């Protein structure tokens, strides 16, 4: 499925580690940090779930703070734990 996602213009952001209310923490892959602040975050099925609001930790594999959009329910966010997420 990853190849199909890349063909549609999505770039891998990382893997969701924690969900706390309407916020998520993800472990980033090898990404350009300066280009992802305020980027829209999506699931593999192209569902928009939120925006990147913070990047912290080591430069080569940072942690990413994501704030969920208002329409996204907490149960849906909890199902994303240990799943890959993407940015446009």
Protein backbone atom coordinates (compact mmCIF):
# COMPACT_ATOMS: atom_id res chain seq x y z
CA UNK A 1 0.00 0.00 0.00
CA UNK A 2 2.91 2.39 0.62
CA UNK A 3 3.82 2.56 -3.07
CA UNK A 4 0.26 3.45 -3.94
CA UNK A 5 0.30 6.25 -1.35
CA UNK A 6 3.53 7.72 -2.76
CA UNK A 7 2.01 7.74 -6.23
CA UNK A 8 -0.82 9.94 -4.97
CA UNK A 9 1.50 12.69 -3.70
CA UNK A 10 1.62 11.81 -0.01
CA UNK A 11 4.92 11.67 1.88
CA UNK A 12 5.48 9.52 4.93
CA UNK A 13 5.57 11.57 8.13
CA UNK A 14 6.06 8.90 10.77
CA UNK A 15 4.29 6.54 13.17
CA UNK A 16 1.78 7.59 15.84
CA UNK A 17 3.08 6.86 19.34
CA UNK A 18 0.60 8.55 21.69
CA UNK A 19 -2.90 10.03 21.57
CA UNK A 20 -3.88 12.58 24.23
CA UNK A 21 -7.32 14.08 23.70
CA UNK A 22 -7.18 15.96 20.41
CA UNK A 23 -3.38 15.77 20.09
CA UNK A 24 -1.05 13.10 18.77
CA UNK A 25 2.67 12.51 19.11
CA UNK A 26 4.37 10.75 16.23
CA UNK A 27 7.92 9.48 15.78
CA UNK A 28 9.13 11.04 12.55
CA UNK A 29 11.10 9.42 9.83
CA UNK A 30 13.75 11.15 7.77
CA UNK A 31 11.92 14.36 6.98
CA UNK A 32 12.78 17.99 6.31
CA UNK A 33 11.65 19.57 9.57
CA UNK A 34 11.38 23.12 8.27
CA UNK A 35 8.85 22.05 5.63
CA UNK A 36 6.28 20.28 7.78
CA UNK A 37 5.06 22.88 10.31
CA UNK A 38 1.35 23.55 9.57
CA UNK A 39 1.23 20.69 7.06
CA UNK A 40 -2.01 18.73 6.82
CA UNK A 41 -1.67 15.21 8.25
CA UNK A 42 -3.52 12.31 6.64
CA UNK A 43 -4.07 8.61 7.15
CA UNK A 44 -3.14 6.02 4.55
CA UNK A 45 -6.75 6.17 3.34
CA UNK A 46 -6.32 9.93 2.70
CA UNK A 47 -8.51 11.03 5.64
CA UNK A 48 -7.40 14.45 6.88
CA UNK A 49 -6.90 14.23 10.63
CA UNK A 50 -5.03 17.38 11.66
CA UNK A 51 -2.06 19.71 11.31
CA UNK A 52 1.54 19.58 12.48
CA UNK A 53 2.00 22.15 15.26
CA UNK A 54 5.37 21.20 16.77
CA UNK A 55 8.58 19.33 15.97
CA UNK A 56 11.01 18.42 18.75
CA UNK A 57 13.77 16.00 19.68
CA UNK A 58 16.72 14.80 17.58
CA UNK A 59 17.07 16.40 14.17
CA UNK A 60 17.57 13.16 12.24
CA UNK A 61 14.41 11.44 13.66
CA UNK A 62 12.25 14.06 15.39
CA UNK A 63 9.00 13.73 17.28
CA UNK A 64 6.03 15.52 15.78
CA UNK A 65 3.12 17.14 17.62
CA UNK A 66 -0.16 17.03 15.71
CA UNK A 67 -3.37 18.84 16.61
CA UNK A 68 -6.49 17.07 15.33
CA UNK A 69 -9.20 18.88 13.37
CA UNK A 70 -12.47 19.50 15.24
CA UNK A 71 -14.49 16.92 13.29
CA UNK A 72 -12.14 14.04 14.13
CA UNK A 73 -13.33 11.96 17.08
CA UNK A 74 -11.00 10.77 19.84
CA UNK A 75 -11.93 7.12 19.17
CA UNK A 76 -10.74 7.50 15.58
CA UNK A 77 -7.47 9.02 16.79
CA UNK A 78 -6.90 6.17 19.25
CA UNK A 79 -7.17 3.67 16.40
CA UNK A 80 -4.20 5.42 14.76
CA UNK A 81 -1.77 4.32 17.49
CA UNK A 82 1.19 2.50 15.89
CA UNK A 83 -0.06 3.36 12.38
CA UNK A 84 1.81 5.36 9.74
CA UNK A 85 0.65 8.87 8.91
CA UNK A 86 1.41 11.11 5.94
CA UNK A 87 1.60 14.72 4.76
CA UNK A 88 0.82 16.21 1.36
